[in-house]
């Protein structure tokens, strides 16, 4: 009999092992671009479950791990998706216990990635482990996918696996941090670089045309006008609008030389109803307009990352099952959630058409990515149960 009471009992009986797994993961640094050590930990634990992890690398030493648990009968495929990379520690502030401590104090585990998103990732793997040990036989299969590069746009992670056709499924959950709520709507984003160039020269002589930095300044001011127009597209559930920020600029090499190159970055956030194509066209419309007026404003445009918006049916089977599983475990109704943020589920939904809400433990606003990032151990254990009950409801 697979019910919430039995699931809770099993989780409590295996509580220390579940915590040990999370502690080991938090103590393993995995800043985006340096995910190899964390990948080895995940492979080791998946092998302990009795599954066969497959490792795919779009870039050397940046593993993407998938492992599938097949039931004895054919059926639907459930996909768990989580990322193993984390943001760098806060510069100049190691926090109370250091970014990789995994220290447990007053019921919380501290360290980089506890919320975003090693807690949710570990909970999904442990959910599969415990159900397998209980003898649960899924009608279909469960795919674990643990990927690199999510924090930098997913080019070497989820996007690579999608190109290879390895993440198709009927439904699934992305375990990214959502304050324990079921996220059905998310904003999209673009991260891009604009580069201007010009002839160099000594500042003792006026520049013969327009130096690269001045071109950037003119373009940035025009982009700020675009941002002002965007603020009219307010989306109440996000308490926000689409918006454009110029987030960095690099130019010049000396105080007495005209800069020959200037490069600045753009972050563009979009809301439901807006597309990536539309957003790119808005940016390029500004830049091309300047170039049409003056050919000196020739530029290069490099896209570092892009996430489409996420817009799911709140009445879909997976959303209802996740909400019901939450109520099974927590004895209270689940909340649906909308936020102006992005994750790998956005790519998966767009590429495959499956429904995949974000649903994970941790505070995505107050603690996530802060120097003292932490996760309540009891919340982590509850999500092991919630993911187990979700699988039971959908594949039982």
Protein backbone atom coordinates (compact mmCIF):
# COMPACT_ATOMS: atom_id res chain seq x y z
CA UNK A 1 0.00 0.00 0.00
CA UNK A 2 1.60 3.23 -1.14
CA UNK A 3 0.08 6.14 0.74
CA UNK A 4 1.23 9.29 2.48
CA UNK A 5 1.46 7.60 5.88
CA UNK A 6 3.74 4.83 4.59
CA UNK A 7 5.83 7.29 2.59
CA UNK A 8 6.34 9.46 5.69
CA UNK A 9 7.40 6.43 7.70
CA UNK A 10 9.98 5.41 5.10
CA UNK A 11 11.39 8.92 4.83
CA UNK A 12 11.79 9.14 8.60
CA UNK A 13 13.47 5.74 8.74
CA UNK A 14 15.99 6.90 6.11
CA UNK A 15 16.25 10.48 7.36
CA UNK A 16 19.98 10.44 8.08
CA UNK A 17 20.91 9.08 4.65
CA UNK A 18 18.77 11.73 2.96
CA UNK A 19 20.46 14.46 4.98
CA UNK A 20 23.94 13.01 4.34
CA UNK A 21 23.31 13.19 0.59
CA UNK A 22 22.28 16.83 0.72
CA UNK A 23 25.21 17.75 2.98
CA UNK A 24 27.70 16.11 0.61
CA UNK A 25 26.22 17.97 -2.36
CA UNK A 26 26.30 21.34 -0.58
CA UNK A 27 29.89 20.73 0.51
CA UNK A 28 30.87 20.11 -3.13
CA UNK A 29 31.53 23.46 -4.87
CA UNK A 30 29.82 23.66 -8.27
CA UNK A 31 29.92 27.25 -9.49
CA UNK A 32 28.71 27.49 -13.08
CA UNK A 33 31.54 26.39 -15.34
CA UNK A 34 33.08 24.12 -12.69
CA UNK A 35 30.47 21.39 -12.23
CA UNK A 36 32.64 18.26 -12.59
CA UNK A 37 33.05 17.42 -8.89
CA UNK A 38 29.33 17.79 -8.24
CA UNK A 39 28.59 15.63 -11.26
CA UNK A 40 30.74 12.85 -9.82
CA UNK A 41 28.80 12.99 -6.55
CA UNK A 42 25.48 12.70 -8.40
CA UNK A 43 26.74 9.77 -10.50
CA UNK A 44 27.90 7.98 -7.34
CA UNK A 45 24.55 8.31 -5.61
CA UNK A 46 22.51 7.36 -8.68
CA UNK A 47 24.62 4.21 -9.02
CA UNK A 48 23.81 3.40 -5.38
CA UNK A 49 20.15 3.41 -6.32
CA UNK A 50 20.84 0.71 -8.88
CA UNK A 51 20.33 2.89 -11.94
CA UNK A 52 22.80 3.44 -14.77
CA UNK A 53 23.71 7.12 -15.14
CA UNK A 54 24.62 8.35 -18.61
CA UNK A 55 26.90 11.40 -18.82
CA UNK A 56 26.80 13.82 -21.74
CA UNK A 57 29.16 16.77 -22.11
CA UNK A 58 28.68 19.64 -24.52
CA UNK A 59 31.80 21.17 -23.01
CA UNK A 60 34.63 19.20 -21.41
CA UNK A 61 34.24 18.47 -17.68
CA UNK A 62 30.73 19.97 -17.55
CA UNK A 63 28.55 16.90 -17.06
CA UNK A 64 24.88 16.45 -17.82
CA UNK A 65 23.61 13.29 -16.17
CA UNK A 66 20.49 11.33 -17.01
CA UNK A 67 19.27 8.04 -15.56
CA UNK A 68 15.96 6.28 -16.19
CA UNK A 69 13.99 4.01 -13.89
CA UNK A 70 11.77 1.69 -15.92
CA UNK A 71 8.73 -0.05 -14.52
CA UNK A 72 7.74 -3.57 -15.53
CA UNK A 73 4.95 -2.29 -17.79
CA UNK A 74 4.98 0.34 -20.48
CA UNK A 75 3.41 3.69 -19.81
CA UNK A 76 4.15 7.37 -19.57
CA UNK A 77 7.48 9.01 -18.88
CA UNK A 78 7.89 11.39 -15.95
CA UNK A 79 10.88 13.77 -16.12
CA UNK A 80 12.61 15.27 -13.10
CA UNK A 81 14.87 18.15 -14.10
CA UNK A 82 17.39 19.92 -11.89
CA UNK A 83 20.66 21.80 -12.27
CA UNK A 84 23.90 21.07 -10.44
CA UNK A 85 25.52 24.48 -10.93
CA UNK A 86 25.19 27.38 -8.49
CA UNK A 87 25.95 31.09 -8.44
CA UNK A 88 29.40 32.10 -7.14
CA UNK A 89 29.69 32.95 -3.43
CA UNK A 90 29.04 36.57 -2.53
CA UNK A 91 32.33 38.43 -3.02
CA UNK A 92 33.73 39.64 0.26
CA UNK A 93 31.04 37.94 2.37
CA UNK A 94 31.49 34.23 3.11
CA UNK A 95 28.40 34.15 5.31
CA UNK A 96 28.15 32.75 8.81
CA UNK A 97 29.74 29.39 8.07
CA UNK A 98 31.33 29.70 4.64
CA UNK A 99 29.73 29.05 1.24
CA UNK A 100 30.40 25.28 1.18
CA UNK A 101 29.90 24.38 4.84
CA UNK A 102 26.79 22.20 4.68
CA UNK A 103 26.55 23.01 8.39
CA UNK A 104 23.22 22.30 10.10
CA UNK A 105 22.18 24.87 12.70
CA UNK A 106 18.73 25.26 14.31
CA UNK A 107 17.17 22.93 11.75
CA UNK A 108 18.63 24.70 8.68
CA UNK A 109 21.42 23.55 6.38
CA UNK A 110 23.68 26.42 5.27
CA UNK A 111 25.66 26.76 2.08
CA UNK A 112 25.66 27.84 -1.54
CA UNK A 113 22.93 26.14 -3.52
CA UNK A 114 20.97 24.74 -0.58
CA UNK A 115 17.85 26.41 -1.98
CA UNK A 116 18.91 27.04 -5.59
CA UNK A 117 18.68 24.15 -6.13
CA UNK A 118 20.52 21.30 -4.50
CA UNK A 119 17.68 20.77 -2.02
CA UNK A 120 15.11 20.07 -4.73
CA UNK A 121 17.57 18.06 -6.83
CA UNK A 122 18.55 15.80 -3.94
CA UNK A 123 14.90 15.37 -2.93
CA UNK A 124 13.97 14.06 -6.39
CA UNK A 125 16.82 11.53 -6.45
CA UNK A 126 15.98 10.33 -2.95
CA UNK A 127 12.30 10.06 -3.88
CA UNK A 128 13.23 7.62 -6.64
CA UNK A 129 15.60 5.73 -4.35
CA UNK A 130 13.03 5.21 -1.59
CA UNK A 131 10.17 4.27 -3.92
CA UNK A 132 12.43 1.77 -5.66
CA UNK A 133 13.43 0.24 -2.32
CA UNK A 134 9.77 0.08 -1.27
CA UNK A 135 9.03 -2.06 -4.32
CA UNK A 136 6.96 0.55 -6.14
CA UNK A 137 6.59 -0.44 -9.80
CA UNK A 138 5.93 2.62 -11.97
CA UNK A 139 3.59 2.21 -14.92
CA UNK A 140 6.06 3.73 -17.34
CA UNK A 141 9.35 5.32 -16.35
CA UNK A 142 10.97 8.10 -14.36
CA UNK A 143 13.84 10.08 -15.90
CA UNK A 144 16.28 11.89 -13.63
CA UNK A 145 18.10 14.72 -15.40
CA UNK A 146 20.82 16.66 -13.57
CA UNK A 147 22.40 19.36 -15.70
CA UNK A 148 25.14 21.98 -15.85
CA UNK A 149 25.05 25.60 -17.03
CA UNK A 150 21.52 26.56 -15.96
CA UNK A 151 22.61 29.79 -14.30
CA UNK A 152 24.30 30.96 -17.51
CA UNK A 153 21.56 30.19 -20.02
CA UNK A 154 21.70 26.37 -20.44
CA UNK A 155 23.66 26.23 -23.71
CA UNK A 156 25.89 23.46 -22.36
CA UNK A 157 23.15 21.85 -20.29
CA UNK A 158 19.44 21.43 -21.00
CA UNK A 159 19.62 22.93 -24.48
CA UNK A 160 22.29 20.40 -25.44
CA UNK A 161 20.22 17.47 -24.12
CA UNK A 162 17.12 18.77 -25.90
CA UNK A 163 19.04 18.97 -29.18
CA UNK A 164 19.95 15.31 -28.73
CA UNK A 165 16.32 14.37 -28.01
CA UNK A 166 17.09 13.09 -24.51
CA UNK A 167 14.49 14.96 -22.45
CA UNK A 168 11.20 14.05 -24.10
CA UNK A 169 8.42 12.99 -21.74
CA UNK A 170 4.73 13.19 -20.94
CA UNK A 171 5.03 15.46 -17.91
CA UNK A 172 7.50 16.35 -15.20
CA UNK A 173 8.72 18.67 -12.49
CA UNK A 174 11.63 21.10 -12.42
CA UNK A 175 12.69 21.14 -8.77
CA UNK A 176 13.96 24.72 -8.76
CA UNK A 177 13.24 26.80 -5.68
CA UNK A 178 9.62 28.10 -5.50
CA UNK A 179 8.91 28.72 -1.81
CA UNK A 180 7.17 25.34 -1.78
CA UNK A 181 4.53 26.54 -4.26
CA UNK A 182 3.61 25.12 -7.68
CA UNK A 183 4.83 27.60 -10.26
CA UNK A 184 2.71 27.69 -13.42
CA UNK A 185 3.72 31.05 -14.91
CA UNK A 186 7.21 32.46 -15.28
CA UNK A 187 8.79 35.38 -17.05
CA UNK A 188 11.32 35.14 -19.84
CA UNK A 189 14.65 36.86 -20.28
CA UNK A 190 17.45 37.75 -22.65
CA UNK A 191 21.07 38.39 -21.78
CA UNK A 192 23.07 39.94 -24.61
CA UNK A 193 26.20 41.93 -25.38
CA UNK A 194 26.53 44.89 -27.77
CA UNK A 195 29.98 45.86 -29.05
CA UNK A 196 31.03 49.05 -30.82
CA UNK A 197 34.44 49.68 -32.35
CA UNK A 198 36.31 52.75 -33.66
CA UNK A 199 39.78 53.81 -34.72
CA UNK A 200 42.15 54.33 -31.76
CA UNK A 201 44.05 57.51 -31.08
CA UNK A 202 45.69 59.70 -28.47
CA UNK A 203 43.44 61.98 -26.47
CA UNK A 204 45.67 64.97 -27.19
CA UNK A 205 43.97 65.04 -30.58
CA UNK A 206 40.17 65.06 -30.90
CA UNK A 207 38.79 61.79 -32.22
CA UNK A 208 38.26 62.01 -36.00
CA UNK A 209 34.71 60.61 -35.81
CA UNK A 210 32.99 58.95 -32.83
CA UNK A 211 34.94 56.81 -30.39
CA UNK A 212 33.55 53.42 -29.34
CA UNK A 213 32.60 54.48 -25.83
CA UNK A 214 30.62 57.48 -27.05
CA UNK A 215 28.73 55.18 -29.41
CA UNK A 216 27.85 52.98 -26.45
CA UNK A 217 26.71 55.98 -24.41
CA UNK A 218 24.39 57.13 -27.22
CA UNK A 219 23.01 53.61 -27.69
CA UNK A 220 22.50 53.06 -23.97
CA UNK A 221 20.54 56.29 -23.66
CA UNK A 222 18.27 55.18 -26.50
CA UNK A 223 17.82 51.77 -24.83
CA UNK A 224 16.84 53.52 -21.60
CA UNK A 225 14.08 55.25 -23.56
CA UNK A 226 12.93 51.80 -24.69
CA UNK A 227 12.90 50.66 -21.06
CA UNK A 228 10.72 53.65 -20.12
CA UNK A 229 8.19 52.62 -22.78
CA UNK A 230 8.26 49.00 -21.59
CA UNK A 231 7.23 49.97 -18.08
CA UNK A 232 3.70 50.46 -19.39
CA UNK A 233 3.31 46.71 -19.92
CA UNK A 234 2.52 45.94 -16.28
CA UNK A 235 1.69 42.37 -15.26
CA UNK A 236 -0.05 42.34 -11.85
CA UNK A 237 0.80 38.74 -10.77
CA UNK A 238 4.50 39.57 -11.08
CA UNK A 239 4.05 43.02 -9.56
CA UNK A 240 6.31 44.04 -12.42
CA UNK A 241 6.49 44.89 -16.08
CA UNK A 242 8.80 43.94 -18.88
CA UNK A 243 12.00 45.91 -18.41
CA UNK A 244 15.44 46.41 -19.89
CA UNK A 245 18.63 47.01 -17.91
CA UNK A 246 22.14 47.83 -19.02
CA UNK A 247 24.06 45.77 -16.49
CA UNK A 248 27.74 46.30 -17.33
CA UNK A 249 30.08 48.23 -19.63
CA UNK A 250 33.75 47.72 -20.50
CA UNK A 251 35.75 50.15 -22.61
CA UNK A 252 39.20 51.59 -23.05
CA UNK A 253 42.66 50.68 -21.76
CA UNK A 254 44.23 53.98 -20.66
CA UNK A 255 43.19 57.43 -19.49
CA UNK A 256 44.91 59.16 -22.42
CA UNK A 257 43.76 56.96 -25.32
CA UNK A 258 40.48 57.10 -27.19
CA UNK A 259 38.75 53.75 -26.62
CA UNK A 260 38.78 51.57 -29.73
CA UNK A 261 36.23 49.11 -28.31
CA UNK A 262 33.24 49.37 -26.01
CA UNK A 263 31.08 46.43 -24.95
CA UNK A 264 27.99 46.56 -22.74
CA UNK A 265 25.52 43.97 -21.55
CA UNK A 266 21.75 44.00 -21.65
CA UNK A 267 19.27 42.14 -19.45
CA UNK A 268 15.74 42.17 -20.91
CA UNK A 269 12.85 40.68 -18.89
CA UNK A 270 9.63 39.76 -20.66
CA UNK A 271 6.18 38.88 -19.34
CA UNK A 272 3.44 36.49 -20.54
CA UNK A 273 2.19 37.49 -23.96
CA UNK A 274 5.62 38.66 -25.08
CA UNK A 275 8.03 36.52 -27.10
CA UNK A 276 11.80 36.31 -27.37
CA UNK A 277 11.53 37.24 -31.05
CA UNK A 278 9.64 40.40 -30.14
CA UNK A 279 12.19 41.31 -27.47
CA UNK A 280 15.17 40.86 -29.80
CA UNK A 281 13.42 42.98 -32.42
CA UNK A 282 12.86 45.75 -29.89
CA UNK A 283 16.57 45.87 -29.04
CA UNK A 284 17.73 45.57 -32.64
CA UNK A 285 15.23 48.24 -33.72
CA UNK A 286 16.99 50.74 -31.47
CA UNK A 287 20.49 49.73 -32.57
CA UNK A 288 19.62 49.54 -36.27
CA UNK A 289 17.93 52.92 -36.06
CA UNK A 290 21.17 54.51 -34.91
CA UNK A 291 23.12 52.71 -37.62
CA UNK A 292 20.73 53.90 -40.34
CA UNK A 293 21.24 57.49 -39.23
CA UNK A 294 25.01 57.10 -39.04
CA UNK A 295 26.88 54.06 -40.50
CA UNK A 296 29.59 54.70 -37.86
CA UNK A 297 27.20 52.99 -35.42
CA UNK A 298 27.87 49.55 -36.86
CA UNK A 299 27.78 46.98 -34.03
CA UNK A 300 27.86 43.30 -33.10
CA UNK A 301 25.09 41.68 -31.07
CA UNK A 302 25.86 38.49 -29.10
CA UNK A 303 23.17 36.56 -27.22
CA UNK A 304 24.54 34.92 -24.07
CA UNK A 305 21.27 33.52 -22.74
CA UNK A 306 17.57 33.51 -23.47
CA UNK A 307 14.60 31.94 -21.69
CA UNK A 308 11.07 31.99 -23.12
CA UNK A 309 8.16 32.67 -20.80
CA UNK A 310 6.48 29.74 -19.06
CA UNK A 311 2.69 29.59 -19.25
CA UNK A 312 1.09 26.33 -18.05
CA UNK A 313 -2.50 25.20 -17.68
CA UNK A 314 -3.21 25.17 -13.92
CA UNK A 315 -5.74 22.39 -14.55
CA UNK A 316 -3.22 20.09 -16.23
CA UNK A 317 -2.75 16.59 -14.84
CA UNK A 318 0.74 17.18 -13.47
CA UNK A 319 -0.19 20.43 -11.74
CA UNK A 320 -3.20 18.80 -10.11
CA UNK A 321 -1.13 15.77 -9.08
CA UNK A 322 1.61 17.96 -7.58
CA UNK A 323 -0.97 19.99 -5.66
CA UNK A 324 -2.68 16.83 -4.40
CA UNK A 325 0.69 15.33 -3.34
CA UNK A 326 1.51 18.52 -1.43
CA UNK A 327 -1.81 18.29 0.41
CA UNK A 328 -1.21 14.58 1.11
CA UNK A 329 2.02 15.43 2.88
CA UNK A 330 1.46 18.90 4.33
CA UNK A 331 -2.26 18.54 5.16
CA UNK A 332 -3.07 21.90 3.62
CA UNK A 333 -3.82 23.08 0.07
CA UNK A 334 -0.94 23.89 -2.25
CA UNK A 335 -0.57 27.39 -3.63
CA UNK A 336 -0.10 28.17 -7.30
CA UNK A 337 2.67 30.62 -8.06
CA UNK A 338 3.70 33.15 -10.69
CA UNK A 339 7.03 35.02 -10.76
CA UNK A 340 9.19 37.01 -13.12
CA UNK A 341 12.05 34.52 -13.22
CA UNK A 342 13.33 31.81 -15.55
CA UNK A 343 14.72 28.28 -15.35
CA UNK A 344 15.34 25.18 -17.48
CA UNK A 345 11.67 24.19 -17.43
CA UNK A 346 11.01 27.09 -19.83
CA UNK A 347 13.30 25.50 -22.42
CA UNK A 348 11.91 21.99 -21.89
CA UNK A 349 8.28 23.04 -22.21
CA UNK A 350 8.94 25.05 -25.37
CA UNK A 351 11.01 22.30 -27.02
CA UNK A 352 8.95 19.22 -26.08
CA UNK A 353 5.44 20.49 -25.37
CA UNK A 354 5.26 18.60 -22.08
CA UNK A 355 3.84 20.30 -19.01
CA UNK A 356 6.54 20.89 -16.39
CA UNK A 357 5.85 23.21 -13.46
CA UNK A 358 8.57 24.46 -11.15
CA UNK A 359 8.04 23.01 -7.70
CA UNK A 360 10.72 22.92 -5.04
CA UNK A 361 11.70 23.73 -1.47
CA UNK A 362 13.37 26.91 -0.29
CA UNK A 363 12.85 30.65 -0.28
CA UNK A 364 13.51 32.10 -3.74
CA UNK A 365 13.37 35.70 -2.54
CA UNK A 366 14.70 36.20 0.98
CA UNK A 367 17.48 33.60 1.17
CA UNK A 368 18.19 32.30 -2.32
CA UNK A 369 21.69 33.20 -3.56
CA UNK A 370 22.49 35.28 -0.48
CA UNK A 371 25.68 34.85 1.56
CA UNK A 372 23.72 32.94 4.21
CA UNK A 373 21.66 30.85 1.82
CA UNK A 374 19.95 28.11 3.80
CA UNK A 375 17.22 25.49 3.60
CA UNK A 376 15.02 24.06 6.35
CA UNK A 377 15.84 20.36 6.69
CA UNK A 378 12.22 19.48 7.45
CA UNK A 379 11.14 21.21 4.23
CA UNK A 380 13.70 19.19 2.27
CA UNK A 381 12.41 15.94 3.81
CA UNK A 382 8.81 16.95 3.11
CA UNK A 383 9.65 17.45 -0.55
CA UNK A 384 11.11 13.96 -0.75
CA UNK A 385 7.66 12.79 0.36
CA UNK A 386 5.86 15.18 -2.00
CA UNK A 387 7.82 13.95 -5.02
CA UNK A 388 7.18 10.33 -3.97
CA UNK A 389 3.45 10.96 -3.71
CA UNK A 390 3.42 12.75 -7.08
CA UNK A 391 4.94 9.69 -8.75
CA UNK A 392 2.54 7.37 -6.94
CA UNK A 393 -0.44 9.42 -8.13
CA UNK A 394 0.72 9.61 -11.75
CA UNK A 395 2.46 6.28 -12.32
CA UNK A 396 0.87 4.05 -9.69
